[in-house]
Amino acid sequence: MENMNIPESTTPEAKANDIGGIDRLATLLSWVLVPLMMPLYGILMLFSLSQLAAATIGVKAIVSLVIIGINVVLPMMLVCLLKLFGLVKDIGLNNRKERLLPYAITVLAFCGSGWYMASNGAPSWTVMFFLGGAAAAAVNAIVNFWWKISAHAAGIAGVVALMVRIRMEWMPSDGILAWTVVWVLLAGILGSARVWLGRHTVGQVMAGYAVGFLSVYLLTMI
């Protein structure tokens, strides 16, 4: 009998390469959609799809840069300092016991952004988007004492809630439905990536979705 050639895609080396590729893609997605970036993505959606689209390019640029400074640059610098002083070992914050201080930083950053928006005359629901993010981070911090809830899932679910609220009430543009679908799909893919990487269980991801969505949705109704 002739020897049967094993297809290259079924060899152990090929399987390892495939798994490694998925790991890299899941890790990249986790960093692109890291919770610290959600306030920026949220404000960009507001400036593109709600009545805030009428703001000038200059206003949009200044506000976006301030949000980046408060919610991305400053928290990342503080987390790096925590790592420098040995208070956290991984800037990815995958260890549940190392998340308390970063959660506190996140809550303060969200509140800072909410204060900035309020002090510059932004609509109340815009302010409440950031306070919803702060509420979600606070809930996650409390739960974190016993259970590692997914901050990634909570963050992106908050953006999904924002899209739903824009579509319901805030003079949405024609592209709101398409963008809502995009964010829902991204949320599902991100949650799957976190489970694939072994960072969370399905239950932890689903809990994160619930906390993030309800926090933003309910507070933006005030």
N, C-alpha and C. Protein backbone atom coordinates (compact mmCIF):
# COMPACT_ATOMS: atom_id res chain seq x y z
N MET A 1 0.86 -1.19 0.00
CA MET A 1 0.00 0.00 0.00
C MET A 1 0.89 1.23 0.00
N GLU A 2 0.51 2.19 -0.82
CA GLU A 2 1.30 3.40 -0.90
C GLU A 2 1.14 4.20 0.39
N ASN A 3 2.23 4.86 0.75
CA ASN A 3 2.17 5.74 1.91
C ASN A 3 1.27 6.92 1.62
N MET A 4 0.43 7.23 2.58
CA MET A 4 -0.48 8.37 2.41
C MET A 4 0.19 9.62 2.98
N ASN A 5 0.28 10.65 2.16
CA ASN A 5 0.87 11.90 2.63
C ASN A 5 -0.11 12.63 3.54
N ILE A 6 0.36 13.08 4.69
CA ILE A 6 -0.48 13.85 5.60
C ILE A 6 -0.50 15.29 5.11
N PRO A 7 -1.70 15.86 4.89
CA PRO A 7 -1.77 17.26 4.44
C PRO A 7 -1.02 18.16 5.41
N GLU A 8 -0.36 19.13 4.84
CA GLU A 8 0.47 20.02 5.66
C GLU A 8 -0.32 20.68 6.76
N SER A 9 -1.61 21.03 6.49
CA SER A 9 -2.41 21.76 7.47
C SER A 9 -2.73 20.93 8.70
N THR A 10 -2.51 19.57 8.60
CA THR A 10 -2.84 18.72 9.74
C THR A 10 -1.61 18.31 10.54
N THR A 11 -0.44 18.73 10.15
CA THR A 11 0.77 18.38 10.88
C THR A 11 0.80 19.16 12.20
N PRO A 12 1.50 18.62 13.21
CA PRO A 12 1.59 19.33 14.49
C PRO A 12 2.16 20.74 14.35
N GLU A 13 3.16 20.88 13.45
CA GLU A 13 3.76 22.20 13.27
C GLU A 13 2.75 23.20 12.71
N ALA A 14 1.94 22.73 11.73
CA ALA A 14 0.95 23.62 11.13
C ALA A 14 -0.12 24.01 12.15
N LYS A 15 -0.53 23.01 12.94
CA LYS A 15 -1.53 23.30 13.97
C LYS A 15 -1.00 24.31 14.98
N ALA A 16 0.25 24.14 15.37
CA ALA A 16 0.87 25.07 16.32
C ALA A 16 0.92 26.48 15.74
N ASN A 17 1.25 26.57 14.44
CA ASN A 17 1.30 27.88 13.79
C ASN A 17 -0.08 28.52 13.74
N ASP A 18 -1.10 27.70 13.45
CA ASP A 18 -2.47 28.22 13.40
C ASP A 18 -2.90 28.75 14.76
N ILE A 19 -2.61 27.98 15.80
CA ILE A 19 -2.98 28.39 17.15
C ILE A 19 -2.22 29.65 17.55
N GLY A 20 -0.92 29.68 17.19
CA GLY A 20 -0.13 30.87 17.50
C GLY A 20 -0.66 32.11 16.80
N GLY A 21 -1.12 31.94 15.56
CA GLY A 21 -1.70 33.06 14.83
C GLY A 21 -2.97 33.57 15.48
N ILE A 22 -3.81 32.65 15.94
CA ILE A 22 -5.04 33.05 16.63
C ILE A 22 -4.71 33.75 17.94
N ASP A 23 -3.71 33.23 18.66
CA ASP A 23 -3.29 33.86 19.90
C ASP A 23 -2.85 35.30 19.66
N ARG A 24 -2.05 35.50 18.63
CA ARG A 24 -1.56 36.86 18.33
C ARG A 24 -2.70 37.79 17.95
N LEU A 25 -3.63 37.28 17.16
CA LEU A 25 -4.78 38.09 16.74
C LEU A 25 -5.65 38.44 17.94
N ALA A 26 -5.88 37.47 18.82
CA ALA A 26 -6.69 37.72 20.02
C ALA A 26 -6.01 38.73 20.94
N THR A 27 -4.69 38.63 21.06
CA THR A 27 -3.94 39.57 21.90
C THR A 27 -3.98 40.97 21.32
N LEU A 28 -3.81 41.08 19.99
CA LEU A 28 -3.88 42.38 19.33
C LEU A 28 -5.25 43.01 19.53
N LEU A 29 -6.29 42.22 19.36
CA LEU A 29 -7.64 42.73 19.55
C LEU A 29 -7.86 43.20 20.98
N SER A 30 -7.30 42.47 21.94
CA SER A 30 -7.43 42.85 23.34
C SER A 30 -6.78 44.19 23.64
N TRP A 31 -5.68 44.49 22.94
CA TRP A 31 -5.01 45.77 23.16
C TRP A 31 -5.69 46.90 22.41
N VAL A 32 -6.16 46.64 21.20
CA VAL A 32 -6.85 47.68 20.43
C VAL A 32 -8.16 48.08 21.12
N LEU A 33 -8.82 47.10 21.72
CA LEU A 33 -10.10 47.34 22.40
C LEU A 33 -9.93 47.29 23.92
N VAL A 34 -8.78 47.71 24.40
CA VAL A 34 -8.52 47.74 25.84
C VAL A 34 -9.50 48.72 26.49
N PRO A 35 -9.95 48.46 27.71
CA PRO A 35 -10.95 49.33 28.35
C PRO A 35 -10.59 50.81 28.37
N LEU A 36 -9.31 51.13 28.53
CA LEU A 36 -8.90 52.53 28.57
C LEU A 36 -9.22 53.29 27.29
N MET A 37 -9.38 52.58 26.17
CA MET A 37 -9.67 53.23 24.90
C MET A 37 -11.16 53.47 24.68
N MET A 38 -12.02 52.86 25.48
CA MET A 38 -13.45 52.98 25.25
C MET A 38 -13.98 54.40 25.38
N PRO A 39 -13.49 55.22 26.34
CA PRO A 39 -13.96 56.61 26.37
C PRO A 39 -13.66 57.36 25.08
N LEU A 40 -12.49 57.13 24.49
CA LEU A 40 -12.16 57.78 23.23
C LEU A 40 -13.07 57.29 22.12
N TYR A 41 -13.25 55.98 22.01
CA TYR A 41 -14.13 55.46 20.97
C TYR A 41 -15.55 55.99 21.16
N GLY A 42 -15.97 56.09 22.43
CA GLY A 42 -17.31 56.60 22.70
C GLY A 42 -17.48 58.04 22.25
N ILE A 43 -16.52 58.90 22.57
CA ILE A 43 -16.65 60.31 22.19
C ILE A 43 -16.57 60.47 20.68
N LEU A 44 -15.78 59.62 20.01
CA LEU A 44 -15.72 59.68 18.54
C LEU A 44 -17.07 59.29 17.93
N MET A 45 -17.73 58.30 18.54
CA MET A 45 -19.06 57.93 18.06
C MET A 45 -20.06 59.06 18.28
N LEU A 46 -19.96 59.70 19.44
CA LEU A 46 -20.87 60.82 19.72
C LEU A 46 -20.66 61.96 18.73
N PHE A 47 -19.40 62.25 18.41
CA PHE A 47 -19.10 63.33 17.48
C PHE A 47 -19.47 62.98 16.03
N SER A 48 -19.66 61.70 15.76
CA SER A 48 -19.96 61.28 14.39
C SER A 48 -21.43 60.97 14.16
N LEU A 49 -22.12 60.47 15.21
CA LEU A 49 -23.44 59.89 14.99
C LEU A 49 -24.58 60.56 15.74
N SER A 50 -24.27 61.45 16.69
CA SER A 50 -25.32 62.12 17.44
C SER A 50 -25.40 63.59 17.03
N GLN A 51 -26.20 64.36 17.75
CA GLN A 51 -26.33 65.78 17.46
C GLN A 51 -25.02 66.52 17.68
N LEU A 52 -24.06 65.91 18.40
CA LEU A 52 -22.76 66.54 18.60
C LEU A 52 -21.93 66.58 17.31
N ALA A 53 -22.41 65.91 16.27
CA ALA A 53 -21.72 65.97 14.98
C ALA A 53 -21.67 67.39 14.43
N ALA A 54 -22.54 68.27 14.95
CA ALA A 54 -22.57 69.66 14.50
C ALA A 54 -21.41 70.48 15.06
N ALA A 55 -20.68 69.94 16.02
CA ALA A 55 -19.54 70.67 16.60
C ALA A 55 -18.46 70.89 15.55
N THR A 56 -17.67 71.93 15.73
CA THR A 56 -16.61 72.24 14.77
C THR A 56 -15.48 71.21 14.88
N ILE A 57 -14.68 71.12 13.84
CA ILE A 57 -13.53 70.21 13.84
C ILE A 57 -12.58 70.54 14.98
N GLY A 58 -12.40 71.84 15.24
CA GLY A 58 -11.50 72.25 16.31
C GLY A 58 -11.98 71.77 17.67
N VAL A 59 -13.27 71.91 17.94
CA VAL A 59 -13.83 71.46 19.21
C VAL A 59 -13.69 69.94 19.34
N LYS A 60 -14.00 69.23 18.27
CA LYS A 60 -13.88 67.77 18.30
C LYS A 60 -12.44 67.34 18.59
N ALA A 61 -11.49 68.03 17.97
CA ALA A 61 -10.08 67.67 18.16
C ALA A 61 -9.64 67.93 19.59
N ILE A 62 -10.00 69.10 20.13
CA ILE A 62 -9.59 69.45 21.49
C ILE A 62 -10.19 68.49 22.50
N VAL A 63 -11.49 68.23 22.38
CA VAL A 63 -12.16 67.34 23.33
C VAL A 63 -11.56 65.93 23.24
N SER A 64 -11.34 65.46 22.03
CA SER A 64 -10.78 64.11 21.86
C SER A 64 -9.39 64.00 22.48
N LEU A 65 -8.58 65.04 22.31
CA LEU A 65 -7.23 65.02 22.89
C LEU A 65 -7.28 65.05 24.42
N VAL A 66 -8.20 65.82 24.97
CA VAL A 66 -8.34 65.85 26.43
C VAL A 66 -8.79 64.48 26.95
N ILE A 67 -9.73 63.85 26.27
CA ILE A 67 -10.21 62.53 26.68
C ILE A 67 -9.07 61.51 26.60
N ILE A 68 -8.24 61.61 25.55
CA ILE A 68 -7.08 60.73 25.45
C ILE A 68 -6.14 60.95 26.63
N GLY A 69 -5.90 62.22 26.96
CA GLY A 69 -5.00 62.52 28.07
C GLY A 69 -5.51 61.99 29.40
N ILE A 70 -6.80 62.19 29.66
CA ILE A 70 -7.37 61.80 30.95
C ILE A 70 -7.53 60.29 31.06
N ASN A 71 -8.01 59.66 29.98
CA ASN A 71 -8.42 58.25 30.06
C ASN A 71 -7.41 57.25 29.50
N VAL A 72 -6.44 57.73 28.75
CA VAL A 72 -5.47 56.81 28.15
C VAL A 72 -4.06 57.09 28.67
N VAL A 73 -3.57 58.29 28.42
CA VAL A 73 -2.18 58.61 28.74
C VAL A 73 -1.93 58.58 30.25
N LEU A 74 -2.75 59.32 31.01
CA LEU A 74 -2.54 59.39 32.45
C LEU A 74 -2.69 58.03 33.13
N PRO A 75 -3.76 57.26 32.87
CA PRO A 75 -3.85 55.94 33.50
C PRO A 75 -2.70 55.00 33.13
N MET A 76 -2.28 55.04 31.85
CA MET A 76 -1.18 54.17 31.44
C MET A 76 0.11 54.55 32.16
N MET A 77 0.34 55.84 32.33
CA MET A 77 1.53 56.28 33.06
C MET A 77 1.48 55.81 34.51
N LEU A 78 0.30 55.91 35.12
CA LEU A 78 0.16 55.49 36.51
C LEU A 78 0.32 53.97 36.66
N VAL A 79 -0.21 53.22 35.71
CA VAL A 79 -0.05 51.76 35.75
C VAL A 79 1.41 51.39 35.57
N CYS A 80 2.11 52.09 34.68
CA CYS A 80 3.54 51.83 34.51
C CYS A 80 4.32 52.15 35.79
N LEU A 81 3.90 53.19 36.51
CA LEU A 81 4.54 53.50 37.79
C LEU A 81 4.26 52.41 38.82
N LEU A 82 3.04 51.90 38.80
CA LEU A 82 2.71 50.79 39.71
C LEU A 82 3.59 49.58 39.42
N LYS A 83 3.83 49.33 38.13
CA LYS A 83 4.70 48.22 37.76
C LYS A 83 6.14 48.50 38.17
N LEU A 84 6.56 49.74 38.00
CA LEU A 84 7.93 50.12 38.36
C LEU A 84 8.18 49.90 39.86
N PHE A 85 7.17 50.20 40.66
CA PHE A 85 7.31 50.05 42.12
C PHE A 85 6.91 48.66 42.60
N GLY A 86 6.64 47.77 41.67
CA GLY A 86 6.37 46.39 42.03
C GLY A 86 4.97 46.12 42.55
N LEU A 87 4.05 47.08 42.38
CA LEU A 87 2.68 46.89 42.86
C LEU A 87 1.84 46.07 41.88
N VAL A 88 2.25 46.05 40.62
CA VAL A 88 1.66 45.15 39.63
C VAL A 88 2.80 44.52 38.84
N LYS A 89 2.60 43.29 38.41
CA LYS A 89 3.64 42.59 37.66
C LYS A 89 3.41 42.62 36.16
N ASP A 90 2.16 42.87 35.75
CA ASP A 90 1.80 42.78 34.34
C ASP A 90 0.93 43.97 34.00
N ILE A 91 1.36 44.80 33.03
CA ILE A 91 0.56 45.97 32.68
C ILE A 91 -0.74 45.57 32.02
N GLY A 92 -0.85 44.31 31.61
CA GLY A 92 -2.12 43.81 31.11
C GLY A 92 -3.12 43.54 32.22
N LEU A 93 -2.67 43.59 33.48
CA LEU A 93 -3.52 43.45 34.67
C LEU A 93 -4.34 42.17 34.64
N ASN A 94 -3.69 41.07 34.30
CA ASN A 94 -4.38 39.80 34.22
C ASN A 94 -4.51 39.11 35.57
N ASN A 95 -3.75 39.60 36.56
CA ASN A 95 -3.84 39.04 37.92
C ASN A 95 -4.94 39.77 38.69
N ARG A 96 -5.96 39.04 39.11
CA ARG A 96 -7.11 39.65 39.80
C ARG A 96 -6.68 40.48 41.01
N LYS A 97 -5.70 40.00 41.76
CA LYS A 97 -5.31 40.67 42.99
C LYS A 97 -4.58 41.99 42.74
N GLU A 98 -4.15 42.23 41.51
CA GLU A 98 -3.42 43.46 41.20
C GLU A 98 -4.31 44.52 40.56
N ARG A 99 -5.61 44.28 40.53
CA ARG A 99 -6.50 45.17 39.78
C ARG A 99 -7.12 46.30 40.59
N LEU A 100 -7.04 46.26 41.91
CA LEU A 100 -7.76 47.24 42.72
C LEU A 100 -7.32 48.67 42.44
N LEU A 101 -6.02 48.95 42.52
CA LEU A 101 -5.53 50.31 42.26
C LEU A 101 -5.80 50.76 40.82
N PRO A 102 -5.55 49.90 39.81
CA PRO A 102 -5.91 50.31 38.45
C PRO A 102 -7.40 50.60 38.29
N TYR A 103 -8.25 49.84 38.96
CA TYR A 103 -9.69 50.14 38.91
C TYR A 103 -9.98 51.51 39.51
N ALA A 104 -9.32 51.82 40.63
CA ALA A 104 -9.52 53.13 41.25
C ALA A 104 -9.08 54.25 40.31
N ILE A 105 -7.96 54.03 39.63
CA ILE A 105 -7.48 55.01 38.65
C ILE A 105 -8.50 55.18 37.52
N THR A 106 -9.07 54.08 37.07
CA THR A 106 -10.05 54.12 35.99
C THR A 106 -11.30 54.89 36.42
N VAL A 107 -11.78 54.65 37.63
CA VAL A 107 -12.95 55.36 38.13
C VAL A 107 -12.68 56.86 38.16
N LEU A 108 -11.52 57.25 38.67
CA LEU A 108 -11.17 58.68 38.74
C LEU A 108 -11.04 59.28 37.35
N ALA A 109 -10.48 58.52 36.41
CA ALA A 109 -10.32 59.03 35.04
C ALA A 109 -11.68 59.26 34.39
N PHE A 110 -12.59 58.32 34.54
CA PHE A 110 -13.94 58.49 33.99
C PHE A 110 -14.63 59.70 34.62
N CYS A 111 -14.51 59.82 35.94
CA CYS A 111 -15.12 60.97 36.62
C CYS A 111 -14.50 62.27 36.14
N GLY A 112 -13.18 62.26 35.93
CA GLY A 112 -12.51 63.45 35.42
C GLY A 112 -13.02 63.85 34.06
N SER A 113 -13.24 62.87 33.20
CA SER A 113 -13.77 63.17 31.87
C SER A 113 -15.20 63.69 31.96
N GLY A 114 -15.99 63.09 32.87
CA GLY A 114 -17.35 63.58 33.05
C GLY A 114 -17.37 65.01 33.53
N TRP A 115 -16.49 65.33 34.48
CA TRP A 115 -16.38 66.70 34.98
C TRP A 115 -15.96 67.65 33.86
N TYR A 116 -15.00 67.23 33.05
CA TYR A 116 -14.55 68.08 31.94
C TYR A 116 -15.68 68.37 30.97
N MET A 117 -16.45 67.33 30.62
CA MET A 117 -17.55 67.52 29.68
C MET A 117 -18.62 68.43 30.29
N ALA A 118 -18.94 68.23 31.57
CA ALA A 118 -19.95 69.05 32.22
C ALA A 118 -19.51 70.51 32.31
N SER A 119 -18.25 70.73 32.64
CA SER A 119 -17.76 72.11 32.81
C SER A 119 -17.68 72.86 31.49
N ASN A 120 -17.73 72.11 30.39
CA ASN A 120 -17.70 72.75 29.07
C ASN A 120 -19.06 72.74 28.39
N GLY A 121 -20.11 72.53 29.17
CA GLY A 121 -21.46 72.67 28.66
C GLY A 121 -21.96 71.53 27.80
N ALA A 122 -21.36 70.35 27.92
CA ALA A 122 -21.82 69.21 27.13
C ALA A 122 -23.19 68.76 27.63
N PRO A 123 -23.99 68.14 26.78
CA PRO A 123 -25.30 67.62 27.22
C PRO A 123 -25.13 66.63 28.37
N SER A 124 -26.14 66.56 29.23
CA SER A 124 -26.05 65.73 30.42
C SER A 124 -25.83 64.26 30.09
N TRP A 125 -26.42 63.78 29.00
CA TRP A 125 -26.27 62.36 28.66
C TRP A 125 -24.84 62.04 28.25
N THR A 126 -24.12 63.06 27.73
CA THR A 126 -22.71 62.84 27.41
C THR A 126 -21.91 62.67 28.70
N VAL A 127 -22.22 63.52 29.68
CA VAL A 127 -21.57 63.40 30.98
C VAL A 127 -21.88 62.04 31.59
N MET A 128 -23.13 61.61 31.47
CA MET A 128 -23.55 60.35 32.08
C MET A 128 -22.91 59.13 31.41
N PHE A 129 -22.51 59.26 30.15
CA PHE A 129 -21.77 58.16 29.52
C PHE A 129 -20.49 57.89 30.29
N PHE A 130 -19.78 58.93 30.65
CA PHE A 130 -18.53 58.76 31.39
C PHE A 130 -18.79 58.31 32.83
N LEU A 131 -19.83 58.86 33.44
CA LEU A 131 -20.15 58.41 34.80
C LEU A 131 -20.64 56.97 34.80
N GLY A 132 -21.28 56.55 33.71
CA GLY A 132 -21.66 55.14 33.57
C GLY A 132 -20.43 54.25 33.52
N GLY A 133 -19.39 54.72 32.81
CA GLY A 133 -18.13 53.98 32.78
C GLY A 133 -17.50 53.90 34.16
N ALA A 134 -17.58 55.01 34.91
CA ALA A 134 -17.05 55.01 36.27
C ALA A 134 -17.82 54.03 37.15
N ALA A 135 -19.14 54.01 36.99
CA ALA A 135 -19.97 53.09 37.78
C ALA A 135 -19.62 51.64 37.46
N ALA A 136 -19.43 51.34 36.18
CA ALA A 136 -19.08 49.98 35.78
C ALA A 136 -17.74 49.57 36.38
N ALA A 137 -16.76 50.48 36.33
CA ALA A 137 -15.44 50.18 36.91
C ALA A 137 -15.54 49.99 38.42
N ALA A 138 -16.40 50.77 39.09
CA ALA A 138 -16.56 50.63 40.54
C ALA A 138 -17.19 49.28 40.88
N VAL A 139 -18.20 48.87 40.11
CA VAL A 139 -18.82 47.57 40.33
C VAL A 139 -17.80 46.46 40.11
N ASN A 140 -17.03 46.57 39.03
CA ASN A 140 -16.00 45.58 38.75
C ASN A 140 -14.98 45.50 39.89
N ALA A 141 -14.62 46.66 40.44
CA ALA A 141 -13.64 46.69 41.53
C ALA A 141 -14.17 45.96 42.75
N ILE A 142 -15.45 46.15 43.05
CA ILE A 142 -16.05 45.48 44.21
C ILE A 142 -16.11 43.97 43.98
N VAL A 143 -16.60 43.59 42.80
CA VAL A 143 -16.71 42.16 42.47
C VAL A 143 -15.33 41.52 42.45
N ASN A 144 -14.32 42.30 42.08
CA ASN A 144 -12.96 41.78 41.93
C ASN A 144 -12.39 41.20 43.23
N PHE A 145 -12.95 41.58 44.37
CA PHE A 145 -12.48 41.00 45.63
C PHE A 145 -12.74 39.50 45.69
N TRP A 146 -13.75 39.05 44.95
CA TRP A 146 -14.12 37.63 44.99
C TRP A 146 -14.00 36.93 43.64
N TRP A 147 -14.09 37.72 42.55
CA TRP A 147 -14.25 37.10 41.23
C TRP A 147 -13.65 38.02 40.18
N LYS A 148 -13.02 37.44 39.16
CA LYS A 148 -12.35 38.23 38.13
C LYS A 148 -13.31 38.51 36.97
N ILE A 149 -14.10 39.54 37.10
CA ILE A 149 -15.03 39.92 36.03
C ILE A 149 -14.25 40.55 34.88
N SER A 150 -14.77 40.45 33.67
CA SER A 150 -14.04 40.94 32.49
C SER A 150 -14.22 42.44 32.30
N ALA A 151 -13.15 43.19 32.50
CA ALA A 151 -13.17 44.63 32.27
C ALA A 151 -13.28 44.94 30.78
N HIS A 152 -12.66 44.10 29.94
CA HIS A 152 -12.77 44.30 28.50
C HIS A 152 -14.22 44.23 28.05
N ALA A 153 -14.93 43.21 28.54
CA ALA A 153 -16.33 43.04 28.16
C ALA A 153 -17.17 44.21 28.66
N ALA A 154 -16.90 44.65 29.89
CA ALA A 154 -17.65 45.78 30.45
C ALA A 154 -17.41 47.05 29.65
N GLY A 155 -16.17 47.28 29.27
CA GLY A 155 -15.84 48.49 28.52
C GLY A 155 -16.53 48.56 27.18
N ILE A 156 -16.45 47.50 26.41
CA ILE A 156 -17.03 47.54 25.07
C ILE A 156 -18.55 47.48 25.13
N ALA A 157 -19.11 46.83 26.15
CA ALA A 157 -20.56 46.81 26.30
C ALA A 157 -21.09 48.21 26.61
N GLY A 158 -20.28 49.03 27.29
CA GLY A 158 -20.67 50.41 27.53
C GLY A 158 -20.80 51.19 26.24
N VAL A 159 -19.91 50.94 25.29
CA VAL A 159 -20.00 51.60 23.99
C VAL A 159 -21.24 51.10 23.24
N VAL A 160 -21.53 49.81 23.32
CA VAL A 160 -22.74 49.28 22.70
C VAL A 160 -23.98 49.96 23.28
N ALA A 161 -24.01 50.12 24.61
CA ALA A 161 -25.13 50.81 25.25
C ALA A 161 -25.26 52.24 24.75
N LEU A 162 -24.12 52.91 24.58
CA LEU A 162 -24.12 54.27 24.06
C LEU A 162 -24.73 54.31 22.67
N MET A 163 -24.38 53.34 21.83
CA MET A 163 -24.92 53.31 20.47
C MET A 163 -26.44 53.12 20.51
N VAL A 164 -26.90 52.26 21.39
CA VAL A 164 -28.34 52.03 21.52
C VAL A 164 -29.05 53.31 21.97
N ARG A 165 -28.46 54.00 22.92
CA ARG A 165 -29.08 55.23 23.43
C ARG A 165 -29.07 56.33 22.38
N ILE A 166 -28.00 56.44 21.60
CA ILE A 166 -27.98 57.42 20.51
C ILE A 166 -29.11 57.13 19.54
N ARG A 167 -29.25 55.86 19.19
CA ARG A 167 -30.27 55.46 18.21
C ARG A 167 -31.68 55.74 18.74
N MET A 168 -31.86 55.63 20.05
CA MET A 168 -33.18 55.81 20.63
C MET A 168 -33.59 57.28 20.75
N GLU A 169 -32.62 58.16 21.10
CA GLU A 169 -33.04 59.49 21.53
C GLU A 169 -32.25 60.66 20.97
N TRP A 170 -30.99 60.51 20.63
CA TRP A 170 -30.14 61.68 20.48
C TRP A 170 -29.88 62.09 19.04
N MET A 171 -30.95 62.24 18.27
CA MET A 171 -30.86 62.73 16.89
C MET A 171 -29.77 62.00 16.10
N PRO A 172 -29.92 60.68 15.95
CA PRO A 172 -28.86 59.90 15.31
C PRO A 172 -28.74 60.18 13.82
N SER A 173 -27.54 59.95 13.30
CA SER A 173 -27.32 60.07 11.86
C SER A 173 -27.73 58.77 11.18
N ASP A 174 -27.67 58.77 9.86
CA ASP A 174 -28.11 57.59 9.10
C ASP A 174 -27.23 56.37 9.35
N GLY A 175 -26.00 56.58 9.79
CA GLY A 175 -25.09 55.44 9.96
C GLY A 175 -25.17 54.74 11.30
N ILE A 176 -26.12 55.15 12.15
CA ILE A 176 -26.15 54.63 13.52
C ILE A 176 -26.41 53.13 13.56
N LEU A 177 -27.30 52.63 12.72
CA LEU A 177 -27.62 51.19 12.76
C LEU A 177 -26.40 50.36 12.38
N ALA A 178 -25.71 50.77 11.31
CA ALA A 178 -24.54 50.02 10.87
C ALA A 178 -23.46 50.01 11.95
N TRP A 179 -23.23 51.15 12.58
CA TRP A 179 -22.22 51.22 13.62
C TRP A 179 -22.61 50.43 14.87
N THR A 180 -23.89 50.41 15.16
CA THR A 180 -24.35 49.60 16.29
C THR A 180 -24.06 48.13 16.05
N VAL A 181 -24.34 47.68 14.83
CA VAL A 181 -24.05 46.28 14.47
C VAL A 181 -22.56 46.01 14.56
N VAL A 182 -21.73 46.94 14.10
CA VAL A 182 -20.28 46.78 14.15
C VAL A 182 -19.82 46.60 15.60
N TRP A 183 -20.31 47.44 16.49
CA TRP A 183 -19.88 47.36 17.89
C TRP A 183 -20.38 46.10 18.58
N VAL A 184 -21.58 45.66 18.23
CA VAL A 184 -22.08 44.40 18.79
C VAL A 184 -21.20 43.24 18.35
N LEU A 185 -20.84 43.23 17.07
CA LEU A 185 -19.97 42.17 16.55
C LEU A 185 -18.59 42.23 17.21
N LEU A 186 -18.05 43.43 17.35
CA LEU A 186 -16.75 43.58 18.00
C LEU A 186 -16.80 43.10 19.45
N ALA A 187 -17.91 43.38 20.13
CA ALA A 187 -18.06 42.92 21.51
C ALA A 187 -18.04 41.39 21.58
N GLY A 188 -18.74 40.75 20.64
CA GLY A 188 -18.74 39.29 20.63
C GLY A 188 -17.37 38.71 20.33
N ILE A 189 -16.68 39.31 19.36
CA ILE A 189 -15.35 38.83 18.99
C ILE A 189 -14.36 39.05 20.14
N LEU A 190 -14.44 40.21 20.79
CA LEU A 190 -13.54 40.51 21.89
C LEU A 190 -13.77 39.54 23.06
N GLY A 191 -15.03 39.31 23.39
CA GLY A 191 -15.32 38.36 24.45
C GLY A 191 -14.78 36.98 24.15
N SER A 192 -14.94 36.55 22.89
CA SER A 192 -14.41 35.26 22.47
C SER A 192 -12.89 35.23 22.58
N ALA A 193 -12.24 36.35 22.24
CA ALA A 193 -10.79 36.44 22.32
C ALA A 193 -10.30 36.31 23.76
N ARG A 194 -11.03 36.93 24.69
CA ARG A 194 -10.62 36.85 26.09
C ARG A 194 -10.75 35.42 26.63
N VAL A 195 -11.80 34.74 26.21
CA VAL A 195 -11.97 33.34 26.62
C VAL A 195 -10.89 32.47 25.96
N TRP A 196 -10.62 32.70 24.67
CA TRP A 196 -9.61 31.92 23.95
C TRP A 196 -8.25 32.04 24.62
N LEU A 197 -7.91 33.26 25.05
CA LEU A 197 -6.60 33.48 25.68
C LEU A 197 -6.54 32.95 27.11
N GLY A 198 -7.67 32.48 27.62
CA GLY A 198 -7.70 31.96 28.98
C GLY A 198 -7.73 33.04 30.05
N ARG A 199 -8.03 34.27 29.66
CA ARG A 199 -8.07 35.36 30.63
C ARG A 199 -9.35 35.34 31.45
N HIS A 200 -10.43 34.85 30.85
CA HIS A 200 -11.72 34.82 31.53
C HIS A 200 -12.51 33.59 31.11
N THR A 201 -13.48 33.26 31.94
CA THR A 201 -14.45 32.24 31.57
C THR A 201 -15.60 32.92 30.82
N VAL A 202 -16.45 32.11 30.22
CA VAL A 202 -17.62 32.66 29.54
C VAL A 202 -18.49 33.43 30.52
N GLY A 203 -18.66 32.89 31.72
CA GLY A 203 -19.46 33.57 32.73
C GLY A 203 -18.91 34.93 33.11
N GLN A 204 -17.58 35.05 33.22
CA GLN A 204 -16.97 36.33 33.56
C GLN A 204 -17.14 37.36 32.45
N VAL A 205 -17.09 36.88 31.21
CA VAL A 205 -17.31 37.77 30.07
C VAL A 205 -18.76 38.24 30.03
N MET A 206 -19.70 37.33 30.22
CA MET A 206 -21.11 37.69 30.20
C MET A 206 -21.44 38.66 31.33
N ALA A 207 -20.84 38.45 32.50
CA ALA A 207 -21.05 39.37 33.62
C ALA A 207 -20.51 40.76 33.27
N GLY A 208 -19.36 40.80 32.60
CA GLY A 208 -18.80 42.08 32.17
C GLY A 208 -19.72 42.80 31.20
N TYR A 209 -20.27 42.06 30.25
CA TYR A 209 -21.24 42.66 29.32
C TYR A 209 -22.39 43.30 30.08
N ALA A 210 -22.95 42.56 31.03
CA ALA A 210 -24.12 43.03 31.78
C ALA A 210 -23.80 44.30 32.57
N VAL A 211 -22.67 44.29 33.28
CA VAL A 211 -22.29 45.44 34.10
C VAL A 211 -22.05 46.67 33.23
N GLY A 212 -21.28 46.52 32.14
CA GLY A 212 -20.96 47.66 31.29
C GLY A 212 -22.19 48.22 30.59
N PHE A 213 -23.02 47.35 30.04
CA PHE A 213 -24.19 47.81 29.30
C PHE A 213 -25.18 48.50 30.22
N LEU A 214 -25.51 47.86 31.34
CA LEU A 214 -26.53 48.43 32.24
C LEU A 214 -26.05 49.72 32.89
N SER A 215 -24.78 49.80 33.23
CA SER A 215 -24.27 51.02 33.88
C SER A 215 -24.42 52.23 32.96
N VAL A 216 -24.02 52.09 31.70
CA VAL A 216 -24.12 53.21 30.77
C VAL A 216 -25.56 53.45 30.36
N TYR A 217 -26.27 52.39 30.04
CA TYR A 217 -27.66 52.54 29.58
C TYR A 217 -28.52 53.23 30.62
N LEU A 218 -28.44 52.79 31.88
CA LEU A 218 -29.31 53.33 32.92
C LEU A 218 -28.91 54.75 33.30
N LEU A 219 -27.61 55.02 33.40
CA LEU A 219 -27.21 56.38 33.79
C LEU A 219 -27.49 57.41 32.70
N THR A 220 -27.39 57.02 31.43
CA THR A 220 -27.68 57.97 30.36
C THR A 220 -29.18 58.23 30.22
N MET A 221 -30.00 57.50 30.96
CA MET A 221 -31.44 57.77 30.96
C MET A 221 -31.81 58.85 31.98
N ILE A 222 -30.87 59.20 32.86
CA ILE A 222 -31.14 60.22 33.89
C ILE A 222 -31.23 61.61 33.26
